Amino acid sequence: MSTTSEFDTIAAVATPPGEGGISIIRISGERTFEIVAPLFKGKSLADVASHTINYGHIIDPETGSEVDEVMASVMRAPKTYTREDVVEINCHGG
């Protein structure tokens, strides 16, 4: 029996496996901004307009060190494919 509900917030790699120039990580669900906040250094994604791309860095929340320079796309419910809040993080692949 699955413990996943249709309302869980999920994070998944949205690009194919293997080497590539970029990798996209998609986070969707009602806790999207809560989950992304401690990882993204830049504008507060919870406060930016929907359907925008925002420059920043992914940080290690334990050390505060920068992990990668990224672009984060913010798309707010209900105007998304899944009708949920979505953040897509475009980071370096490979």
PDB file of N, CA and C in Angstrom:
ATOM      1  N   MET A   1       0.835  -1.171   0.000  1.00  0.00           N
ATOM      2  CA  MET A   1       0.000   0.000   0.000  1.00  0.00           C
ATOM      3  C   MET A   1       0.883   1.240   0.000  1.00  0.00           C
ATOM      4  N   SER A   2       0.575   2.195  -0.850  1.00  0.00           N
ATOM      5  CA  SER A   2       1.362   3.412  -0.990  1.00  0.00           C
ATOM      6  C   SER A   2       1.024   4.414   0.111  1.00  0.00           C
ATOM      7  N   THR A   3       2.056   5.113   0.572  1.00  0.00           N
ATOM      8  CA  THR A   3       1.835   6.170   1.568  1.00  0.00           C
ATOM      9  C   THR A   3       1.788   7.539   0.898  1.00  0.00           C
ATOM     10  N   THR A   4       1.954   7.590  -0.423  1.00  0.00           N
ATOM     11  CA  THR A   4       1.937   8.839  -1.155  1.00  0.00           C
ATOM     12  C   THR A   4       0.504   9.275  -1.396  1.00  0.00           C
ATOM     13  N   SER A   5       0.230  10.536  -1.155  1.00  0.00           N
ATOM     14  CA  SER A   5      -1.094  11.062  -1.456  1.00  0.00           C
ATOM     15  C   SER A   5      -1.000  11.930  -2.697  1.00  0.00           C
ATOM     16  N   GLU A   6      -2.125  12.227  -3.292  1.00  0.00           N
ATOM     17  CA  GLU A   6      -2.109  13.058  -4.483  1.00  0.00           C
ATOM     18  C   GLU A   6      -1.715  14.495  -4.164  1.00  0.00           C
ATOM     19  N   PHE A   7      -1.593  14.844  -2.886  1.00  0.00           N
ATOM     20  CA  PHE A   7      -1.263  16.205  -2.494  1.00  0.00           C
ATOM     21  C   PHE A   7       0.150  16.348  -1.947  1.00  0.00           C
ATOM     22  N   ASP A   8       0.975  15.309  -2.030  1.00  0.00           N
ATOM     23  CA  ASP A   8       2.350  15.399  -1.570  1.00  0.00           C
ATOM     24  C   ASP A   8       3.135  16.380  -2.430  1.00  0.00           C
ATOM     25  N   THR A   9       4.078  17.061  -1.813  1.00  0.00           N
ATOM     26  CA  THR A   9       5.019  17.883  -2.565  1.00  0.00           C
ATOM     27  C   THR A   9       6.154  16.970  -2.995  1.00  0.00           C
ATOM     28  N   ILE A  10       6.514  17.038  -4.280  1.00  0.00           N
ATOM     29  CA  ILE A  10       7.542  16.146  -4.807  1.00  0.00           C
ATOM     30  C   ILE A  10       8.678  16.947  -5.425  1.00  0.00           C
ATOM     31  N   ALA A  11       9.846  16.361  -5.433  1.00  0.00           N
ATOM     32  CA  ALA A  11      11.011  16.905  -6.133  1.00  0.00           C
ATOM     33  C   ALA A  11      11.578  15.785  -6.977  1.00  0.00           C
ATOM     34  N   ALA A  12      11.889  16.093  -8.234  1.00  0.00           N
ATOM     35  CA  ALA A  12      12.408  15.069  -9.130  1.00  0.00           C
ATOM     36  C   ALA A  12      13.280  15.713 -10.193  1.00  0.00           C
ATOM     37  N   VAL A  13      14.246  14.948 -10.674  1.00  0.00           N
ATOM     38  CA  VAL A  13      15.057  15.397 -11.798  1.00  0.00           C
ATOM     39  C   VAL A  13      14.184  15.315 -13.048  1.00  0.00           C
ATOM     40  N   ALA A  14      14.136  16.405 -13.812  1.00  0.00           N
ATOM     41  CA  ALA A  14      13.261  16.476 -14.982  1.00  0.00           C
ATOM     42  C   ALA A  14      14.022  16.362 -16.299  1.00  0.00           C
ATOM     43  N   THR A  15      15.306  16.076 -16.232  1.00  0.00           N
ATOM     44  CA  THR A  15      16.112  15.880 -17.430  1.00  0.00           C
ATOM     45  C   THR A  15      16.556  14.433 -17.496  1.00  0.00           C
ATOM     46  N   PRO A  16      16.880  13.939 -18.706  1.00  0.00           N
ATOM     47  CA  PRO A  16      17.263  12.533 -18.822  1.00  0.00           C
ATOM     48  C   PRO A  16      18.576  12.233 -18.105  1.00  0.00           C
ATOM     49  N   PRO A  17      18.760  10.981 -17.693  1.00  0.00           N
ATOM     50  CA  PRO A  17      20.017  10.608 -17.043  1.00  0.00           C
ATOM     51  C   PRO A  17      21.194  10.707 -18.015  1.00  0.00           C
ATOM     52  N   GLY A  18      22.366  10.848 -17.455  1.00  0.00           N
ATOM     53  CA  GLY A  18      23.572  10.940 -18.269  1.00  0.00           C
ATOM     54  C   GLY A  18      24.169  12.320 -18.200  1.00  0.00           C
ATOM     55  N   GLU A  19      25.181  12.554 -19.018  1.00  0.00           N
ATOM     56  CA  GLU A  19      25.863  13.842 -19.020  1.00  0.00           C
ATOM     57  C   GLU A  19      25.135  14.838 -19.892  1.00  0.00           C
ATOM     58  N   GLY A  20      25.099  16.076 -19.442  1.00  0.00           N
ATOM     59  CA  GLY A  20      24.484  17.154 -20.199  1.00  0.00           C
ATOM     60  C   GLY A  20      24.924  18.482 -19.646  1.00  0.00           C
ATOM     61  N   GLY A  21      24.701  19.525 -20.406  1.00  0.00           N
ATOM     62  CA  GLY A  21      25.102  20.864 -19.996  1.00  0.00           C
ATOM     63  C   GLY A  21      24.310  21.398 -18.821  1.00  0.00           C
ATOM     64  N   ILE A  22      23.011  21.063 -18.792  1.00  0.00           N
ATOM     65  CA  ILE A  22      22.162  21.517 -17.686  1.00  0.00           C
ATOM     66  C   ILE A  22      21.391  20.337 -17.129  1.00  0.00           C
ATOM     67  N   SER A  23      20.907  20.531 -15.932  1.00  0.00           N
ATOM     68  CA  SER A  23      20.010  19.576 -15.298  1.00  0.00           C
ATOM     69  C   SER A  23      18.876  20.392 -14.692  1.00  0.00           C
ATOM     70  N   ILE A  24      17.670  19.867 -14.781  1.00  0.00           N
ATOM     71  CA  ILE A  24      16.511  20.568 -14.237  1.00  0.00           C
ATOM     72  C   ILE A  24      15.909  19.736 -13.116  1.00  0.00           C
ATOM     73  N   ILE A  25      15.711  20.378 -11.980  1.00  0.00           N
ATOM     74  CA  ILE A  25      15.058  19.742 -10.835  1.00  0.00           C
ATOM     75  C   ILE A  25      13.723  20.442 -10.653  1.00  0.00           C
ATOM     76  N   ARG A  26      12.643  19.675 -10.635  1.00  0.00           N
ATOM     77  CA  ARG A  26      11.295  20.247 -10.515  1.00  0.00           C
ATOM     78  C   ARG A  26      10.729  19.910  -9.144  1.00  0.00           C
ATOM     79  N   ILE A  27      10.239  20.932  -8.452  1.00  0.00           N
ATOM     80  CA  ILE A  27       9.574  20.772  -7.157  1.00  0.00           C
ATOM     81  C   ILE A  27       8.144  21.251  -7.341  1.00  0.00           C
ATOM     82  N   SER A  28       7.169  20.422  -6.968  1.00  0.00           N
ATOM     83  CA  SER A  28       5.774  20.838  -7.138  1.00  0.00           C
ATOM     84  C   SER A  28       4.932  20.362  -5.968  1.00  0.00           C
ATOM     85  N   GLY A  29       3.948  21.180  -5.624  1.00  0.00           N
ATOM     86  CA  GLY A  29       3.040  20.863  -4.528  1.00  0.00           C
ATOM     87  C   GLY A  29       2.871  22.046  -3.606  1.00  0.00           C
ATOM     88  N   GLU A  30       2.035  21.873  -2.607  1.00  0.00           N
ATOM     89  CA  GLU A  30       1.704  23.008  -1.746  1.00  0.00           C
ATOM     90  C   GLU A  30       2.844  23.452  -0.830  1.00  0.00           C
ATOM     91  N   ARG A  31       3.866  22.615  -0.618  1.00  0.00           N
ATOM     92  CA  ARG A  31       5.006  22.996   0.240  1.00  0.00           C
ATOM     93  C   ARG A  31       6.231  23.420  -0.569  1.00  0.00           C
ATOM     94  N   THR A  32       6.051  23.659  -1.869  1.00  0.00           N
ATOM     95  CA  THR A  32       7.166  23.971  -2.763  1.00  0.00           C
ATOM     96  C   THR A  32       8.057  25.083  -2.218  1.00  0.00           C
ATOM     97  N   PHE A  33       7.485  26.231  -1.892  1.00  0.00           N
ATOM     98  CA  PHE A  33       8.296  27.381  -1.485  1.00  0.00           C
ATOM     99  C   PHE A  33       8.943  27.163  -0.118  1.00  0.00           C
ATOM    100  N   GLU A  34       8.274  26.447   0.752  1.00  0.00           N
ATOM    101  CA  GLU A  34       8.832  26.101   2.067  1.00  0.00           C
ATOM    102  C   GLU A  34      10.065  25.215   1.913  1.00  0.00           C
ATOM    103  N   ILE A  35      10.023  24.288   0.965  1.00  0.00           N
ATOM    104  CA  ILE A  35      11.138  23.361   0.744  1.00  0.00           C
ATOM    105  C   ILE A  35      12.311  24.056   0.063  1.00  0.00           C
ATOM    106  N   VAL A  36      12.020  24.921  -0.901  1.00  0.00           N
ATOM    107  CA  VAL A  36      13.074  25.575  -1.674  1.00  0.00           C
ATOM    108  C   VAL A  36      13.765  26.687  -0.882  1.00  0.00           C
ATOM    109  N   ALA A  37      13.052  27.364   0.003  1.00  0.00           N
ATOM    110  CA  ALA A  37      13.588  28.543   0.701  1.00  0.00           C
ATOM    111  C   ALA A  37      14.961  28.338   1.338  1.00  0.00           C
ATOM    112  N   PRO A  38      15.205  27.268   2.094  1.00  0.00           N
ATOM    113  CA  PRO A  38      16.520  27.147   2.725  1.00  0.00           C
ATOM    114  C   PRO A  38      17.641  26.744   1.757  1.00  0.00           C
ATOM    115  N   LEU A  39      17.279  26.412   0.516  1.00  0.00           N
ATOM    116  CA  LEU A  39      18.267  25.945  -0.457  1.00  0.00           C
ATOM    117  C   LEU A  39      18.645  26.996  -1.484  1.00  0.00           C
ATOM    118  N   PHE A  40      17.794  28.018  -1.665  1.00  0.00           N
ATOM    119  CA  PHE A  40      17.994  29.013  -2.722  1.00  0.00           C
ATOM    120  C   PHE A  40      18.409  30.343  -2.125  1.00  0.00           C
ATOM    121  N   LYS A  41      19.545  30.858  -2.598  1.00  0.00           N
ATOM    122  CA  LYS A  41      20.039  32.167  -2.173  1.00  0.00           C
ATOM    123  C   LYS A  41      19.859  33.119  -3.349  1.00  0.00           C
ATOM    124  N   GLY A  42      19.024  34.106  -3.147  1.00  0.00           N
ATOM    125  CA  GLY A  42      18.677  35.087  -4.177  1.00  0.00           C
ATOM    126  C   GLY A  42      17.388  35.741  -3.714  1.00  0.00           C
ATOM    127  N   LYS A  43      16.585  36.222  -4.657  1.00  0.00           N
ATOM    128  CA  LYS A  43      15.279  36.761  -4.283  1.00  0.00           C
ATOM    129  C   LYS A  43      14.453  35.668  -3.625  1.00  0.00           C
ATOM    130  N   SER A  44      13.588  36.051  -2.708  1.00  0.00           N
ATOM    131  CA  SER A  44      12.682  35.082  -2.101  1.00  0.00           C
ATOM    132  C   SER A  44      11.715  34.589  -3.167  1.00  0.00           C
ATOM    133  N   LEU A  45      11.794  33.325  -3.523  1.00  0.00           N
ATOM    134  CA  LEU A  45      10.934  32.780  -4.569  1.00  0.00           C
ATOM    135  C   LEU A  45       9.467  32.810  -4.172  1.00  0.00           C
ATOM    136  N   ALA A  46       9.191  32.819  -2.875  1.00  0.00           N
ATOM    137  CA  ALA A  46       7.805  32.907  -2.408  1.00  0.00           C
ATOM    138  C   ALA A  46       7.198  34.271  -2.713  1.00  0.00           C
ATOM    139  N   ASP A  47       8.050  35.269  -2.969  1.00  0.00           N
ATOM    140  CA  ASP A  47       7.573  36.636  -3.175  1.00  0.00           C
ATOM    141  C   ASP A  47       7.639  37.120  -4.622  1.00  0.00           C
ATOM    142  N   VAL A  48       8.283  36.379  -5.509  1.00  0.00           N
ATOM    143  CA  VAL A  48       8.403  36.841  -6.896  1.00  0.00           C
ATOM    144  C   VAL A  48       7.133  36.531  -7.681  1.00  0.00           C
ATOM    145  N   ALA A  49       6.969  37.209  -8.799  1.00  0.00           N
ATOM    146  CA  ALA A  49       5.794  37.005  -9.646  1.00  0.00           C
ATOM    147  C   ALA A  49       5.829  35.623 -10.298  1.00  0.00           C
ATOM    148  N   SER A  50       4.648  35.118 -10.605  1.00  0.00           N
ATOM    149  CA  SER A  50       4.532  33.838 -11.295  1.00  0.00           C
ATOM    150  C   SER A  50       5.088  33.941 -12.709  1.00  0.00           C
ATOM    151  N   HIS A  51       5.567  32.823 -13.198  1.00  0.00           N
ATOM    152  CA  HIS A  51       6.093  32.689 -14.550  1.00  0.00           C
ATOM    153  C   HIS A  51       7.262  33.639 -14.785  1.00  0.00           C
ATOM    154  N   THR A  52       8.191  33.643 -13.804  1.00  0.00           N
ATOM    155  CA  THR A  52       9.423  34.410 -13.920  1.00  0.00           C
ATOM    156  C   THR A  52      10.607  33.475 -13.718  1.00  0.00           C
ATOM    157  N   ILE A  53      11.753  33.905 -14.224  1.00  0.00           N
ATOM    158  CA  ILE A  53      13.005  33.168 -14.031  1.00  0.00           C
ATOM    159  C   ILE A  53      13.905  34.036 -13.171  1.00  0.00           C
ATOM    160  N   ASN A  54      14.481  33.434 -12.135  1.00  0.00           N
ATOM    161  CA  ASN A  54      15.208  34.181 -11.120  1.00  0.00           C
ATOM    162  C   ASN A  54      16.612  33.615 -10.921  1.00  0.00           C
ATOM    163  N   TYR A  55      17.594  34.503 -10.944  1.00  0.00           N
ATOM    164  CA  TYR A  55      18.996  34.136 -10.759  1.00  0.00           C
ATOM    165  C   TYR A  55      19.316  33.963  -9.272  1.00  0.00           C
ATOM    166  N   GLY A  56      20.138  32.966  -8.961  1.00  0.00           N
ATOM    167  CA  GLY A  56      20.579  32.783  -7.585  1.00  0.00           C
ATOM    168  C   GLY A  56      21.567  31.640  -7.470  1.00  0.00           C
ATOM    169  N   HIS A  57      21.711  31.134  -6.274  1.00  0.00           N
ATOM    170  CA  HIS A  57      22.622  30.029  -5.981  1.00  0.00           C
ATOM    171  C   HIS A  57      21.901  28.987  -5.127  1.00  0.00           C
ATOM    172  N   ILE A  58      22.249  27.747  -5.345  1.00  0.00           N
ATOM    173  CA  ILE A  58      21.830  26.683  -4.438  1.00  0.00           C
ATOM    174  C   ILE A  58      22.908  26.615  -3.369  1.00  0.00           C
ATOM    175  N   ILE A  59      22.469  26.568  -2.117  1.00  0.00           N
ATOM    176  CA  ILE A  59      23.423  26.512  -1.010  1.00  0.00           C
ATOM    177  C   ILE A  59      23.211  25.235  -0.207  1.00  0.00           C
ATOM    178  N   ASP A  60      24.254  24.839   0.469  1.00  0.00           N
ATOM    179  CA  ASP A  60      24.166  23.734   1.417  1.00  0.00           C
ATOM    180  C   ASP A  60      23.595  24.338   2.695  1.00  0.00           C
ATOM    181  N   PRO A  61      22.381  23.938   3.104  1.00  0.00           N
ATOM    182  CA  PRO A  61      21.768  24.585   4.267  1.00  0.00           C
ATOM    183  C   PRO A  61      22.514  24.344   5.577  1.00  0.00           C
ATOM    184  N   GLU A  62      23.326  23.308   5.626  1.00  0.00           N
ATOM    185  CA  GLU A  62      24.070  23.027   6.862  1.00  0.00           C
ATOM    186  C   GLU A  62      25.299  23.920   7.005  1.00  0.00           C
ATOM    187  N   THR A  63      25.964  24.226   5.864  1.00  0.00           N
ATOM    188  CA  THR A  63      27.206  24.997   5.939  1.00  0.00           C
ATOM    189  C   THR A  63      27.052  26.416   5.393  1.00  0.00           C
ATOM    190  N   GLY A  64      26.006  26.640   4.594  1.00  0.00           N
ATOM    191  CA  GLY A  64      25.821  27.940   3.964  1.00  0.00           C
ATOM    192  C   GLY A  64      26.688  28.137   2.739  1.00  0.00           C
ATOM    193  N   SER A  65      27.473  27.130   2.364  1.00  0.00           N
ATOM    194  CA  SER A  65      28.353  27.273   1.199  1.00  0.00           C
ATOM    195  C   SER A  65      27.560  27.111  -0.097  1.00  0.00           C
ATOM    196  N   GLU A  66      27.996  27.849  -1.125  1.00  0.00           N
ATOM    197  CA  GLU A  66      27.345  27.786  -2.423  1.00  0.00           C
ATOM    198  C   GLU A  66      27.703  26.483  -3.120  1.00  0.00           C
ATOM    199  N   VAL A  67      26.675  25.825  -3.665  1.00  0.00           N
ATOM    200  CA  VAL A  67      26.856  24.561  -4.367  1.00  0.00           C
ATOM    201  C   VAL A  67      26.887  24.795  -5.876  1.00  0.00           C
ATOM    202  N   ASP A  68      25.978  25.658  -6.386  1.00  0.00           N
ATOM    203  CA  ASP A  68      25.903  25.900  -7.822  1.00  0.00           C
ATOM    204  C   ASP A  68      25.200  27.222  -8.095  1.00  0.00           C
ATOM    205  N   GLU A  69      25.530  27.816  -9.214  1.00  0.00           N
ATOM    206  CA  GLU A  69      24.862  29.003  -9.726  1.00  0.00           C
ATOM    207  C   GLU A  69      23.691  28.534 -10.576  1.00  0.00           C
ATOM    208  N   VAL A  70      22.492  29.052 -10.328  1.00  0.00           N
ATOM    209  CA  VAL A  70      21.292  28.488 -10.946  1.00  0.00           C
ATOM    210  C   VAL A  70      20.324  29.568 -11.424  1.00  0.00           C
ATOM    211  N   MET A  71      19.354  29.123 -12.211  1.00  0.00           N
ATOM    212  CA  MET A  71      18.190  29.915 -12.587  1.00  0.00           C
ATOM    213  C   MET A  71      16.977  29.140 -12.081  1.00  0.00           C
ATOM    214  N   ALA A  72      16.073  29.817 -11.393  1.00  0.00           N
ATOM    215  CA  ALA A  72      14.890  29.161 -10.835  1.00  0.00           C
ATOM    216  C   ALA A  72      13.631  29.758 -11.454  1.00  0.00           C
ATOM    217  N   SER A  73      12.839  28.912 -12.104  1.00  0.00           N
ATOM    218  CA  SER A  73      11.567  29.332 -12.686  1.00  0.00           C
ATOM    219  C   SER A  73      10.468  29.117 -11.659  1.00  0.00           C
ATOM    220  N   VAL A  74       9.623  30.129 -11.491  1.00  0.00           N
ATOM    221  CA  VAL A  74       8.512  30.053 -10.537  1.00  0.00           C
ATOM    222  C   VAL A  74       7.207  30.101 -11.320  1.00  0.00           C
ATOM    223  N   MET A  75       6.351  29.116 -11.066  1.00  0.00           N
ATOM    224  CA  MET A  75       5.032  29.067 -11.700  1.00  0.00           C
ATOM    225  C   MET A  75       4.014  28.747 -10.613  1.00  0.00           C
ATOM    226  N   ARG A  76       3.071  29.642 -10.445  1.00  0.00           N
ATOM    227  CA  ARG A  76       2.107  29.512  -9.348  1.00  0.00           C
ATOM    228  C   ARG A  76       0.814  28.848  -9.798  1.00  0.00           C
ATOM    229  N   ALA A  77       0.254  28.078  -8.864  1.00  0.00           N
ATOM    230  CA  ALA A  77      -1.046  27.450  -9.077  1.00  0.00           C
ATOM    231  C   ALA A  77      -2.094  28.539  -9.237  1.00  0.00           C
ATOM    232  N   PRO A  78      -3.126  28.333  -9.956  1.00  0.00           N
ATOM    233  CA  PRO A  78      -3.475  27.122 -10.699  1.00  0.00           C
ATOM    234  C   PRO A  78      -3.007  27.153 -12.150  1.00  0.00           C
ATOM    235  N   LYS A  79      -2.166  28.119 -12.528  1.00  0.00           N
ATOM    236  CA  LYS A  79      -1.766  28.248 -13.929  1.00  0.00           C
ATOM    237  C   LYS A  79      -0.502  27.467 -14.244  1.00  0.00           C
ATOM    238  N   THR A  80      -0.526  26.162 -13.900  1.00  0.00           N
ATOM    239  CA  THR A  80       0.558  25.245 -14.229  1.00  0.00           C
ATOM    240  C   THR A  80      -0.066  23.962 -14.765  1.00  0.00           C
ATOM    241  N   TYR A  81       0.765  23.128 -15.355  1.00  0.00           N
ATOM    242  CA  TYR A  81       0.273  21.880 -15.933  1.00  0.00           C
ATOM    243  C   TYR A  81      -0.411  21.012 -14.880  1.00  0.00           C
ATOM    244  N   THR A  82       0.154  20.968 -13.673  1.00  0.00           N
ATOM    245  CA  THR A  82      -0.413  20.140 -12.599  1.00  0.00           C
ATOM    246  C   THR A  82      -1.395  20.897 -11.713  1.00  0.00           C
ATOM    247  N   ARG A  83      -1.551  22.207 -11.973  1.00  0.00           N
ATOM    248  CA  ARG A  83      -2.407  23.092 -11.183  1.00  0.00           C
ATOM    249  C   ARG A  83      -1.874  23.257  -9.756  1.00  0.00           C
ATOM    250  N   GLU A  84      -0.569  23.025  -9.565  1.00  0.00           N
ATOM    251  CA  GLU A  84       0.098  23.184  -8.275  1.00  0.00           C
ATOM    252  C   GLU A  84       1.198  24.228  -8.422  1.00  0.00           C
ATOM    253  N   ASP A  85       1.707  24.752  -7.298  1.00  0.00           N
ATOM    254  CA  ASP A  85       2.892  25.598  -7.328  1.00  0.00           C
ATOM    255  C   ASP A  85       4.062  24.760  -7.833  1.00  0.00           C
ATOM    256  N   VAL A  86       4.898  25.362  -8.690  1.00  0.00           N
ATOM    257  CA  VAL A  86       6.049  24.657  -9.260  1.00  0.00           C
ATOM    258  C   VAL A  86       7.259  25.586  -9.245  1.00  0.00           C
ATOM    259  N   VAL A  87       8.411  25.040  -8.855  1.00  0.00           N
ATOM    260  CA  VAL A  87       9.692  25.695  -9.041  1.00  0.00           C
ATOM    261  C   VAL A  87      10.575  24.725  -9.817  1.00  0.00           C
ATOM    262  N   GLU A  88      11.151  25.215 -10.911  1.00  0.00           N
ATOM    263  CA  GLU A  88      12.109  24.417 -11.679  1.00  0.00           C
ATOM    264  C   GLU A  88      13.473  25.075 -11.539  1.00  0.00           C
ATOM    265  N   ILE A  89      14.437  24.297 -11.057  1.00  0.00           N
ATOM    266  CA  ILE A  89      15.788  24.807 -10.854  1.00  0.00           C
ATOM    267  C   ILE A  89      16.655  24.296 -11.999  1.00  0.00           C
ATOM    268  N   ASN A  90      17.193  25.234 -12.789  1.00  0.00           N
ATOM    269  CA  ASN A  90      18.108  24.901 -13.876  1.00  0.00           C
ATOM    270  C   ASN A  90      19.521  25.075 -13.348  1.00  0.00           C
ATOM    271  N   CYS A  91      20.242  23.951 -13.241  1.00  0.00           N
ATOM    272  CA  CYS A  91      21.586  23.984 -12.694  1.00  0.00           C
ATOM    273  C   CYS A  91      22.553  23.319 -13.680  1.00  0.00           C
ATOM    274  N   HIS A  92      23.829  23.342 -13.354  1.00  0.00           N
ATOM    275  CA  HIS A  92      24.821  22.716 -14.210  1.00  0.00           C
ATOM    276  C   HIS A  92      24.671  21.202 -14.143  1.00  0.00           C
ATOM    277  N   GLY A  93      24.771  20.548 -15.284  1.00  0.00           N
ATOM    278  CA  GLY A  93      24.646  19.096 -15.362  1.00  0.00           C
ATOM    279  C   GLY A  93      25.997  18.422 -15.406  1.00  0.00           C
ATOM    280  N   GLY A  94      25.962  17.145 -15.764  1.00  0.00           N
ATOM    281  CA  GLY A  94      27.205  16.412 -15.957  1.00  0.00           C
ATOM    282  C   GLY A  94      27.691  15.714 -14.770  1.00  0.00           C
TER     283      GLY A  94
END
